[in-house]
Amino acid sequence: MEDVVIAGAGPNGLMLACELALAGVRPVVLEQLPEPSAVPRANGLVGQVVRLLDRRGLHERLAGPIGPPTPAFVFGAMRLDLTLAEPNPLNILPVPQRQIEAVLGGRAAELGVEVRRGHALTGFAQDDRKVTLEVAGPDGPYELTARYVVGADGGKSVTRKLAGIGFPGVTEDRTISYSASATVPAELIDAETGGLRVPGHGVIPPLFHYRTEHGLFVYATLATGTGVTTIEWADDEDDDRPVTFDEVRASVRRVLGFDLPIGPPEGDGPHLLRRLKGRNTRLADRFRDGRVLLVGDAAHVHSAIGGPGLNLGLQDAAGLGWKLAAEVQGWAPVGLLDTYEAERRPVAERVVMHTQAQSALIAPGREVTALRQLFGELLRQPSTVQHIADLMSGADVRYEPATSHPLDGRWAPDLVLDNGVRLAELTRTARPLLLDLTPAASLGDELRGWTDRVDVVTGKAAPDATAMLIRPDGYVAWATSAVEPGDADRKALRSASERWFGTPVDM
């Protein structure tokens, strides 16, 4: 019997596989596609997930050392001046999804994860001990048993459907989006900014969502090449015909009121040429049904505006991985696995909220234009920018705290010890961590019963706390700012350790 089977070898499934393997559980990953998809999809990562990858040593594999937060971003096709935010929580990592999948796949292989490509989950039945799966493989159908199954198989998740988990939400039928790889005449490129000169509109910055009264236009310059995207509102019926490049040109002309002389892409590709009708916003009724769990798009789908999808999905995986491993290994406290949905569902609800709000801000109409004018005034206020930056990055997430300390339940702040070691370098193993920065450095004595599960690191730094108990997913389970923690702090530390990491071995 396998401990865990994951359906889906996209970024979320591979991330979960890595998290489980780091925790000592070797999952089997089933992927119906025989090879990784070359179809262009997400163009990068936005938000806390960039720091999460840094804390697993994956950022360096993707793009070298992590850099500073981005000075500007977009919200609802409006410029978000992040120099007004203090602190600025919004990191971006502009790498294509297939590169992210390749790095995660390589890391999973290093950790001994078995990925079975060309193997599709077709059915399952579960009881109180196991799940029996039906799988269609290259050599025919077979059965597989596992203690747990996780669906990381996208918005049309077979796992979710087989579990009978509802997926309520709304479908917007009036939007039509065109996306294409393209060539743009060099004389239209602004040498100073890299933006696109468009008569009647000035310079449109790269990757900026530019709204007109007729739709939305995005000019992208990426590692994979140049691309354009439009979104329009229309009552046309679904069109199953293959999209043509002429349709893309026509859509750009309608949105901008200018015949932009774009051409078909050069080189071997892969190139993007896509038409999408409508958009879905849906949230699973529940993220768990017995021994079956959901992560990423299998649990929630929403507009891609602002790029929140992988920030949400990969952190789902990090939040689930260590808890599921604890269940498999037998040390999980009662109810630990249930906290996965309790913590991650509200985060998904907020992503649904802000993507719907952004979609409303890019719609056509004079009323929307007036709303954008008012919203533009609000975006000159630092408090508004901070609120939105925290929302988009996920820095506003706070899981249920056990104490009144402001860091309890929040993402552990980045810090550097006096020996030059960054917190991100201490979390590569994905183990719980007690960071004791008090002068006496004696808090580790309180965790003698958890040494098989919790690492203790001492040192000096200038953080917002003198000690933190950090969960594997990067969130603080307990913190103190006392220079000499007393009995109450020590009791709270032991209580938090038992709450999240089970009964100590000396009891």
Protein backbone atom coordinates (compact mmCIF):
# COMPACT_ATOMS: atom_id res chain seq x y z
CA MET A 1 0.00 0.00 0.00
CA GLU A 2 1.24 3.48 -0.88
CA ASP A 3 1.13 6.18 1.77
CA VAL A 4 -0.06 8.96 -0.55
CA VAL A 5 -1.06 9.09 -4.22
CA ILE A 6 -1.21 12.48 -5.90
CA ALA A 7 -3.28 12.90 -9.06
CA GLY A 8 -1.64 15.54 -11.24
CA ALA A 9 2.01 16.43 -11.95
CA GLY A 10 1.52 20.13 -12.49
CA PRO A 11 3.23 22.67 -10.21
CA ASN A 12 0.87 22.06 -7.29
CA GLY A 13 1.12 18.28 -7.42
CA LEU A 14 4.90 18.36 -7.74
CA MET A 15 5.24 20.88 -4.93
CA LEU A 16 3.14 18.70 -2.67
CA ALA A 17 5.24 15.68 -3.63
CA CYS A 18 8.41 17.54 -2.65
CA GLU A 19 6.93 18.67 0.67
CA LEU A 20 5.85 15.13 1.53
CA ALA A 21 9.23 13.71 0.57
CA LEU A 22 11.04 16.28 2.71
CA ALA A 23 8.85 15.12 5.60
CA GLY A 24 9.83 11.49 5.04
CA VAL A 25 6.84 10.29 2.98
CA ARG A 26 7.43 9.11 -0.61
CA PRO A 27 4.26 9.72 -2.64
CA VAL A 28 3.36 8.29 -6.04
CA VAL A 29 2.28 10.91 -8.58
CA LEU A 30 -0.11 9.95 -11.39
CA GLU A 31 -0.16 12.18 -14.47
CA GLN A 32 -2.39 11.40 -17.43
CA LEU A 33 -0.17 13.27 -19.92
CA PRO A 34 2.73 11.17 -21.21
CA GLU A 35 5.06 14.19 -21.29
CA PRO A 36 5.11 17.62 -19.63
CA SER A 37 2.94 20.04 -21.57
CA ALA A 38 4.70 22.58 -23.79
CA VAL A 39 1.59 24.78 -24.02
CA PRO A 40 2.40 28.24 -22.59
CA ARG A 41 0.44 28.90 -19.41
CA ALA A 42 1.36 31.01 -16.37
CA ASN A 43 4.16 33.49 -16.91
CA GLY A 44 5.51 33.66 -13.38
CA LEU A 45 4.89 33.79 -9.67
CA VAL A 46 3.50 36.65 -7.61
CA GLY A 47 3.43 37.05 -3.83
CA GLN A 48 4.53 35.05 -0.79
CA VAL A 49 5.12 31.95 -2.90
CA VAL A 50 8.32 33.55 -4.21
CA ARG A 51 9.65 33.62 -0.65
CA LEU A 52 8.38 30.10 -0.06
CA LEU A 53 10.45 28.84 -2.98
CA ASP A 54 13.43 30.76 -1.63
CA ARG A 55 12.97 28.97 1.69
CA ARG A 56 13.17 25.63 -0.11
CA GLY A 57 16.24 26.54 -2.17
CA LEU A 58 14.18 26.51 -5.37
CA HIS A 59 14.38 30.20 -6.22
CA GLU A 60 18.10 29.87 -6.95
CA ARG A 61 17.38 27.04 -9.37
CA LEU A 62 14.82 29.16 -11.18
CA ALA A 63 16.43 32.58 -11.26
CA GLY A 64 19.38 32.86 -8.88
CA PRO A 65 19.28 34.68 -5.53
CA ILE A 66 16.00 36.30 -4.54
CA GLY A 67 15.85 40.02 -5.28
CA PRO A 68 14.01 42.91 -3.68
CA PRO A 69 10.23 43.30 -3.94
CA THR A 70 8.88 44.82 -7.12
CA PRO A 71 8.49 48.64 -7.00
CA ALA A 72 5.21 48.59 -8.94
CA PHE A 73 2.45 46.22 -9.99
CA VAL A 74 -1.10 46.38 -11.30
CA PHE A 75 -4.48 45.98 -9.64
CA GLY A 76 -7.56 46.05 -11.84
CA ALA A 77 -5.52 47.54 -14.70
CA MET A 78 -4.42 50.40 -12.43
CA ARG A 79 -0.84 51.12 -11.38
CA LEU A 80 0.00 50.06 -7.84
CA ASP A 81 2.92 52.23 -6.65
CA LEU A 82 4.58 49.93 -4.15
CA THR A 83 7.10 52.55 -3.09
CA LEU A 84 4.22 53.76 -0.91
CA ALA A 85 4.06 50.43 0.95
CA GLU A 86 6.23 49.93 4.03
CA PRO A 87 7.06 47.14 4.14
CA ASN A 88 6.58 46.18 0.52
CA PRO A 89 5.45 42.52 0.57
CA LEU A 90 5.10 41.88 -3.16
CA ASN A 91 7.78 39.75 -4.81
CA ILE A 92 7.49 38.56 -8.39
CA LEU A 93 9.37 35.84 -10.25
CA PRO A 94 8.83 36.11 -14.03
CA VAL A 95 9.54 32.58 -15.22
CA PRO A 96 7.25 30.43 -17.41
CA GLN A 97 5.22 27.66 -15.84
CA ARG A 98 6.96 24.91 -17.77
CA GLN A 99 10.28 26.02 -16.21
CA ILE A 100 8.68 25.95 -12.76
CA GLU A 101 7.38 22.45 -13.45
CA ALA A 102 10.79 21.33 -14.68
CA VAL A 103 12.55 22.56 -11.53
CA LEU A 104 9.91 21.07 -9.23
CA GLY A 105 10.03 17.82 -11.19
CA GLY A 106 13.81 17.69 -10.89
CA ARG A 107 13.65 18.31 -7.16
CA ALA A 108 10.96 15.63 -6.74
CA ALA A 109 13.20 13.13 -8.57
CA GLU A 110 16.13 14.01 -6.28
CA LEU A 111 13.90 13.28 -3.29
CA GLY A 112 12.91 9.87 -4.64
CA VAL A 113 9.37 10.69 -5.77
CA GLU A 114 7.91 8.35 -8.38
CA VAL A 115 6.04 10.18 -11.15
CA ARG A 116 4.05 7.88 -13.44
CA ARG A 117 3.34 9.71 -16.68
CA GLY A 118 0.60 8.42 -18.95
CA HIS A 119 -1.29 7.06 -15.92
CA ALA A 120 -4.81 8.45 -15.41
CA LEU A 121 -6.98 8.10 -12.33
CA THR A 122 -10.33 6.70 -13.48
CA GLY A 123 -12.06 5.70 -10.25
CA PHE A 124 -11.68 4.97 -6.56
CA ALA A 125 -13.44 3.68 -3.48
CA GLN A 126 -12.45 4.49 0.08
CA ASP A 127 -13.06 3.04 3.52
CA ASP A 128 -11.77 4.00 6.95
CA ARG A 129 -8.30 2.53 6.25
CA LYS A 130 -7.45 3.10 2.62
CA VAL A 131 -8.41 4.25 -0.85
CA THR A 132 -8.48 1.74 -3.70
CA LEU A 133 -7.76 3.49 -6.99
CA GLU A 134 -8.48 2.44 -10.56
CA VAL A 135 -5.78 3.64 -12.92
CA ALA A 136 -5.49 3.53 -16.71
CA GLY A 137 -1.82 3.11 -17.60
CA PRO A 138 0.09 2.65 -20.86
CA ASP A 139 -0.02 -1.14 -20.37
CA GLY A 140 -3.69 -1.25 -19.40
CA PRO A 141 -5.80 -0.71 -16.29
CA TYR A 142 -4.63 -1.62 -12.81
CA GLU A 143 -5.46 -1.06 -9.14
CA LEU A 144 -3.47 0.87 -6.58
CA THR A 145 -4.14 1.29 -2.87
CA ALA A 146 -3.11 4.24 -0.73
CA ARG A 147 -3.77 5.62 2.69
CA TYR A 148 -4.59 9.04 1.20
CA VAL A 149 -5.25 10.51 -2.24
CA VAL A 150 -4.75 14.16 -3.17
CA GLY A 151 -6.31 15.73 -6.23
CA ALA A 152 -3.95 18.24 -7.84
CA ASP A 153 -5.53 17.69 -11.23
CA GLY A 154 -6.83 21.15 -12.10
CA GLY A 155 -10.15 22.90 -12.43
CA LYS A 156 -11.77 19.91 -14.15
CA SER A 157 -10.45 17.62 -11.42
CA VAL A 158 -11.39 13.97 -11.86
CA THR A 159 -10.48 13.43 -8.21
CA ARG A 160 -12.98 16.04 -7.05
CA LYS A 161 -15.73 14.64 -9.25
CA LEU A 162 -15.12 11.05 -8.17
CA ALA A 163 -15.26 12.16 -4.52
CA GLY A 164 -18.63 13.81 -5.13
CA ILE A 165 -17.37 17.20 -3.94
CA GLY A 166 -19.46 20.05 -5.31
CA PHE A 167 -17.85 22.95 -7.14
CA PRO A 168 -20.31 25.85 -6.93
CA GLY A 169 -19.64 29.29 -8.33
CA VAL A 170 -20.41 31.56 -11.25
CA THR A 171 -19.58 31.58 -14.93
CA GLU A 172 -19.14 34.88 -16.77
CA ASP A 173 -20.17 34.20 -20.39
CA ARG A 174 -19.63 37.63 -21.93
CA THR A 175 -15.85 37.83 -21.92
CA ILE A 176 -13.71 36.75 -24.86
CA SER A 177 -9.94 36.68 -24.45
CA TYR A 178 -7.35 36.35 -27.21
CA SER A 179 -3.70 35.58 -26.47
CA ALA A 180 -0.92 35.15 -29.00
CA SER A 181 2.82 35.08 -29.34
CA ALA A 182 3.69 37.84 -31.80
CA THR A 183 6.33 40.02 -33.37
CA VAL A 184 6.18 43.80 -32.99
CA PRO A 185 7.97 46.34 -35.23
CA ALA A 186 11.09 47.64 -33.50
CA GLU A 187 10.12 51.26 -34.15
CA LEU A 188 7.12 50.86 -31.85
CA ILE A 189 9.25 49.85 -28.86
CA ASP A 190 10.17 52.62 -26.46
CA ALA A 191 13.92 52.38 -25.87
CA GLU A 192 13.80 53.79 -22.36
CA THR A 193 10.98 51.72 -20.84
CA GLY A 194 10.63 48.76 -23.20
CA GLY A 195 6.98 49.69 -23.52
CA LEU A 196 4.86 49.75 -26.66
CA ARG A 197 4.17 53.05 -28.44
CA VAL A 198 0.55 53.13 -29.54
CA PRO A 199 -0.82 56.25 -31.29
CA GLY A 200 -3.58 57.80 -29.21
CA HIS A 201 -2.47 55.96 -26.07
CA GLY A 202 1.18 56.86 -25.54
CA VAL A 203 3.56 54.21 -24.20
CA ILE A 204 1.91 51.09 -22.77
CA PRO A 205 4.35 49.50 -20.30
CA PRO A 206 5.18 45.82 -20.70
CA LEU A 207 2.96 43.49 -18.66
CA PHE A 208 0.70 46.41 -17.72
CA HIS A 209 -3.04 45.75 -17.99
CA TYR A 210 -4.26 48.65 -20.14
CA ARG A 211 -8.00 49.30 -20.12
CA THR A 212 -9.98 51.21 -22.72
CA GLU A 213 -13.73 51.65 -23.07
CA HIS A 214 -13.67 48.68 -25.44
CA GLY A 215 -11.67 46.13 -23.51
CA LEU A 216 -8.29 45.27 -22.03
CA PHE A 217 -4.90 45.04 -23.73
CA VAL A 218 -1.66 43.53 -22.41
CA TYR A 219 1.70 43.72 -24.13
CA ALA A 220 4.08 41.13 -22.69
CA THR A 221 7.83 40.79 -23.01
CA LEU A 222 8.88 37.49 -21.46
CA ALA A 223 11.69 34.98 -21.57
CA THR A 224 9.54 33.03 -24.01
CA GLY A 225 9.14 36.01 -26.35
CA THR A 226 6.70 38.80 -27.06
CA GLY A 227 2.99 38.32 -26.66
CA VAL A 228 -0.29 40.21 -26.71
CA THR A 229 -3.53 39.55 -24.87
CA THR A 230 -6.92 41.18 -25.16
CA ILE A 231 -10.16 40.83 -23.26
CA GLU A 232 -13.44 41.99 -24.74
CA TRP A 233 -17.07 41.84 -23.70
CA ALA A 234 -19.52 40.44 -26.24
CA ASP A 235 -22.65 38.29 -26.48
CA ASP A 236 -21.28 36.01 -29.20
CA GLU A 237 -21.97 32.31 -28.99
CA ASP A 238 -19.13 29.91 -28.28
CA ASP A 239 -16.97 29.48 -31.36
CA ASP A 240 -15.28 26.10 -31.71
CA ARG A 241 -13.34 27.07 -34.83
CA PRO A 242 -9.55 27.20 -34.43
CA VAL A 243 -8.48 30.75 -33.68
CA THR A 244 -6.50 32.62 -36.33
CA PHE A 245 -3.88 35.33 -35.99
CA ASP A 246 -6.14 37.67 -37.98
CA GLU A 247 -8.74 37.36 -35.19
CA VAL A 248 -6.13 38.47 -32.69
CA ARG A 249 -5.23 41.50 -34.84
CA ALA A 250 -8.90 42.39 -35.17
CA SER A 251 -9.42 42.15 -31.41
CA VAL A 252 -6.43 44.42 -30.76
CA ARG A 253 -7.84 46.91 -33.29
CA ARG A 254 -11.24 46.94 -31.54
CA VAL A 255 -9.72 47.42 -28.07
CA LEU A 256 -7.12 50.08 -28.98
CA GLY A 257 -8.80 51.72 -31.96
CA PHE A 258 -5.52 51.29 -33.82
CA ASP A 259 -4.37 48.70 -36.33
CA LEU A 260 -1.30 47.50 -34.47
CA PRO A 261 1.06 45.93 -37.05
CA ILE A 262 1.82 42.75 -35.12
CA GLY A 263 2.96 39.67 -36.97
CA PRO A 264 3.08 35.91 -36.37
CA PRO A 265 5.86 34.70 -34.06
CA GLU A 266 9.26 33.65 -35.29
CA GLY A 267 11.22 30.53 -34.38
CA ASP A 268 10.14 27.05 -33.40
CA GLY A 269 8.11 27.89 -30.31
CA PRO A 270 6.18 26.68 -28.47
CA HIS A 271 3.95 29.57 -29.47
CA LEU A 272 0.64 30.69 -28.01
CA LEU A 273 -2.49 31.28 -30.08
CA ARG A 274 -5.63 30.99 -28.00
CA ARG A 275 -9.21 32.15 -27.71
CA LEU A 276 -11.06 31.74 -24.41
CA LYS A 277 -14.77 32.34 -24.01
CA GLY A 278 -16.02 33.21 -20.53
CA ARG A 279 -14.39 32.69 -17.15
CA ASN A 280 -15.23 30.63 -14.10
CA THR A 281 -15.07 31.48 -10.43
CA ARG A 282 -15.66 28.38 -8.30
CA LEU A 283 -14.80 27.08 -4.84
CA ALA A 284 -15.10 23.45 -3.77
CA ASP A 285 -17.73 22.64 -1.16
CA ARG A 286 -14.98 21.12 0.94
CA PHE A 287 -11.29 20.45 0.52
CA ARG A 288 -11.46 17.01 2.10
CA ASP A 289 -13.70 13.96 1.84
CA GLY A 290 -12.41 11.28 4.19
CA ARG A 291 -9.06 10.16 2.80
CA VAL A 292 -9.32 12.34 -0.31
CA LEU A 293 -8.04 15.93 -0.35
CA LEU A 294 -7.80 18.72 -2.93
CA VAL A 295 -5.13 21.34 -3.63
CA GLY A 296 -4.78 24.17 -6.12
CA ASP A 297 -7.21 24.53 -9.03
CA ALA A 298 -8.92 21.29 -8.05
CA ALA A 299 -10.20 23.20 -5.01
CA HIS A 300 -10.67 26.68 -6.49
CA VAL A 301 -10.67 28.46 -9.86
CA HIS A 302 -10.84 32.19 -10.50
CA SER A 303 -9.71 34.87 -12.90
CA ALA A 304 -5.97 34.91 -13.60
CA ILE A 305 -5.84 38.71 -13.26
CA GLY A 306 -2.99 39.71 -10.99
CA GLY A 307 -1.41 36.25 -11.23
CA PRO A 308 -2.64 34.79 -7.90
CA GLY A 309 -3.15 31.18 -8.99
CA LEU A 310 0.22 29.62 -8.18
CA ASN A 311 0.65 31.79 -5.09
CA LEU A 312 -2.53 30.19 -3.77
CA GLY A 313 -1.99 26.66 -5.07
CA LEU A 314 1.67 26.16 -4.14
CA GLN A 315 0.98 27.45 -0.64
CA ASP A 316 -1.94 25.01 -0.44
CA ALA A 317 0.63 22.31 -1.11
CA ALA A 318 3.01 23.62 1.54
CA GLY A 319 0.18 23.90 4.05
CA LEU A 320 -1.04 20.36 3.40
CA GLY A 321 2.25 18.49 2.97
CA TRP A 322 3.58 18.48 6.54
CA LYS A 323 0.15 17.85 8.06
CA LEU A 324 -0.53 14.89 5.79
CA ALA A 325 2.94 13.51 6.51
CA ALA A 326 2.24 13.80 10.24
CA GLU A 327 -0.94 11.73 9.79
CA VAL A 328 0.92 9.09 7.82
CA GLN A 329 3.74 8.91 10.36
CA GLY A 330 1.38 8.72 13.31
CA TRP A 331 2.41 11.75 15.34
CA ALA A 332 -0.26 14.22 14.21
CA PRO A 333 -2.35 15.69 17.04
CA VAL A 334 -6.10 15.13 16.78
CA GLY A 335 -7.66 17.39 14.14
CA LEU A 336 -4.39 18.52 12.54
CA LEU A 337 -5.42 17.46 9.04
CA ASP A 338 -8.73 19.29 9.40
CA THR A 339 -6.84 22.56 9.89
CA TYR A 340 -5.76 22.38 6.24
CA GLU A 341 -9.20 23.41 4.99
CA ALA A 342 -9.85 25.64 8.00
CA GLU A 343 -6.76 27.68 7.12
CA ARG A 344 -6.63 27.55 3.34
CA ARG A 345 -10.29 27.98 2.42
CA PRO A 346 -10.51 31.55 3.79
CA VAL A 347 -7.38 32.41 1.81
CA ALA A 348 -9.02 31.07 -1.35
CA GLU A 349 -12.15 33.09 -0.59
CA ARG A 350 -10.10 36.29 -0.45
CA VAL A 351 -8.41 35.49 -3.76
CA VAL A 352 -11.84 34.93 -5.30
CA MET A 353 -12.93 38.27 -3.85
CA HIS A 354 -10.05 40.37 -5.15
CA THR A 355 -9.98 38.78 -8.61
CA GLN A 356 -13.70 39.46 -8.97
CA ALA A 357 -13.13 43.05 -7.82
CA GLN A 358 -10.36 43.49 -10.39
CA SER A 359 -12.54 42.01 -13.11
CA ALA A 360 -15.20 44.58 -12.26
CA LEU A 361 -12.65 47.40 -12.53
CA ILE A 362 -11.59 46.45 -16.06
CA ALA A 363 -15.11 46.16 -17.50
CA PRO A 364 -16.35 48.67 -20.08
CA GLY A 365 -18.82 51.44 -19.30
CA ARG A 366 -18.88 55.02 -18.06
CA GLU A 367 -19.85 53.91 -14.56
CA VAL A 368 -16.73 51.75 -14.38
CA THR A 369 -14.64 54.65 -15.69
CA ALA A 370 -15.98 56.81 -12.86
CA LEU A 371 -15.25 54.06 -10.35
CA ARG A 372 -11.71 53.82 -11.66
CA GLN A 373 -11.27 57.57 -11.28
CA LEU A 374 -12.27 57.33 -7.61
CA PHE A 375 -10.16 54.24 -7.10
CA GLY A 376 -7.19 56.01 -8.66
CA GLU A 377 -7.46 58.68 -5.98
CA LEU A 378 -7.49 56.00 -3.29
CA LEU A 379 -4.38 54.40 -4.79
CA ARG A 380 -2.43 57.56 -3.98
CA GLN A 381 -2.93 56.86 -0.27
CA PRO A 382 -0.20 54.69 1.33
CA SER A 383 -2.69 52.88 3.58
CA THR A 384 -4.74 51.76 0.57
CA VAL A 385 -1.66 50.62 -1.34
CA GLN A 386 -0.45 48.70 1.71
CA HIS A 387 -3.80 46.99 2.13
CA ILE A 388 -3.97 45.89 -1.50
CA ALA A 389 -0.31 44.85 -1.63
CA ASP A 390 -0.81 42.70 1.48
CA LEU A 391 -3.96 41.23 -0.05
CA MET A 392 -2.38 40.36 -3.39
CA SER A 393 0.81 38.95 -1.90
CA GLY A 394 -0.89 37.01 0.88
CA ALA A 395 0.96 38.97 3.56
CA ASP A 396 -2.40 39.66 5.22
CA VAL A 397 -2.95 35.94 5.94
CA ARG A 398 -3.11 35.17 9.63
CA TYR A 399 -3.99 31.71 10.81
CA GLU A 400 -5.67 31.32 14.18
CA PRO A 401 -3.12 32.56 16.76
CA ALA A 402 -2.61 30.98 20.15
CA THR A 403 -1.16 34.11 21.77
CA SER A 404 -1.48 37.87 21.44
CA HIS A 405 1.94 38.29 19.85
CA PRO A 406 1.54 40.11 16.50
CA LEU A 407 3.62 37.50 14.64
CA ASP A 408 1.66 34.50 15.93
CA GLY A 409 -0.18 32.95 12.97
CA ARG A 410 1.61 35.07 10.37
CA TRP A 411 4.33 34.37 7.82
CA ALA A 412 7.71 34.35 9.57
CA PRO A 413 9.62 37.50 8.67
CA ASP A 414 12.81 37.25 6.65
CA LEU A 415 15.87 37.77 8.82
CA VAL A 416 19.61 37.21 8.83
CA LEU A 417 21.49 35.88 11.84
CA ASP A 418 24.69 37.51 13.02
CA ASN A 419 26.69 34.73 11.36
CA GLY A 420 25.22 35.70 7.98
CA VAL A 421 22.81 32.77 7.72
CA ARG A 422 19.39 33.69 6.39
CA LEU A 423 16.18 32.19 7.77
CA ALA A 424 15.55 30.91 4.23
CA GLU A 425 18.67 28.74 4.54
CA LEU A 426 17.43 27.21 7.80
CA THR A 427 14.12 26.08 6.30
CA ARG A 428 15.36 24.04 3.31
CA THR A 429 14.51 20.77 5.10
CA ALA A 430 10.87 21.82 5.70
CA ARG A 431 11.09 20.79 9.37
CA PRO A 432 9.49 22.71 12.24
CA LEU A 433 11.99 25.19 13.63
CA LEU A 434 12.44 26.91 16.98
CA LEU A 435 14.52 30.02 16.39
CA ASP A 436 15.84 31.10 19.80
CA LEU A 437 17.47 34.55 19.70
CA THR A 438 17.34 35.21 23.45
CA PRO A 439 20.61 35.88 25.29
CA ALA A 440 20.28 32.72 27.39
CA ALA A 441 19.32 30.57 24.38
CA SER A 442 17.66 28.07 26.71
CA LEU A 443 14.22 27.68 25.12
CA GLY A 444 15.30 24.49 23.42
CA ASP A 445 15.16 22.87 26.87
CA GLU A 446 11.37 23.15 26.70
CA LEU A 447 11.30 21.02 23.52
CA ARG A 448 13.32 18.03 24.63
CA GLY A 449 10.32 15.82 23.91
CA TRP A 450 10.04 17.05 20.32
CA THR A 451 13.65 16.76 19.13
CA ASP A 452 12.62 14.12 16.60
CA ARG A 453 10.24 16.62 14.99
CA VAL A 454 11.49 20.14 15.75
CA ASP A 455 14.91 21.65 15.03
CA VAL A 456 16.35 24.29 17.38
CA VAL A 457 18.60 27.09 16.12
CA THR A 458 20.13 29.76 18.35
CA GLY A 459 21.85 32.98 17.40
CA LYS A 460 21.53 36.73 17.31
CA ALA A 461 19.55 38.96 14.97
CA ALA A 462 17.37 42.05 14.97
CA PRO A 463 13.93 40.57 14.28
CA ASP A 464 10.46 41.51 15.48
CA ALA A 465 10.65 38.75 18.09
CA THR A 466 13.28 37.21 20.35
CA ALA A 467 12.06 33.69 19.61
CA MET A 468 9.73 32.05 17.10
CA LEU A 469 8.37 28.55 16.61
CA ILE A 470 7.99 28.25 12.84
CA ARG A 471 5.87 25.64 11.10
CA PRO A 472 7.17 23.87 7.97
CA ASP A 473 4.94 26.02 5.75
CA GLY A 474 6.64 29.19 7.01
CA TYR A 475 3.98 30.41 9.42
CA VAL A 476 4.65 31.26 13.06
CA ALA A 477 3.09 28.93 15.63
CA TRP A 478 4.36 30.85 18.67
CA ALA A 479 6.47 33.93 19.29
CA THR A 480 7.76 36.09 22.11
CA SER A 481 9.56 39.41 22.33
CA ALA A 482 10.74 38.87 25.89
CA VAL A 483 14.49 39.12 26.44
CA GLU A 484 14.15 36.62 29.27
CA PRO A 485 11.03 34.49 28.57
CA GLY A 486 9.23 33.59 31.78
CA ASP A 487 7.08 30.66 32.82
CA ALA A 488 4.05 31.88 30.85
CA ASP A 489 6.06 32.12 27.62
CA ARG A 490 7.59 28.71 28.15
CA LYS A 491 4.23 27.14 28.90
CA ALA A 492 2.79 28.73 25.74
CA LEU A 493 5.72 27.35 23.71
CA ARG A 494 5.09 23.82 24.95
CA SER A 495 1.37 24.22 24.31
CA ALA A 496 1.96 25.39 20.73
CA SER A 497 4.37 22.51 20.13
CA GLU A 498 1.79 20.02 21.31
CA ARG A 499 -0.95 21.72 19.32
CA TRP A 500 0.93 21.50 16.03
CA PHE A 501 3.56 18.79 16.48
CA GLY A 502 1.89 16.23 18.72
CA THR A 503 2.64 14.63 22.05
CA PRO A 504 6.28 14.79 23.22
CA VAL A 505 8.07 11.46 23.38
CA ASP A 506 8.84 11.81 27.07
CA MET A 507 5.16 11.76 28.04
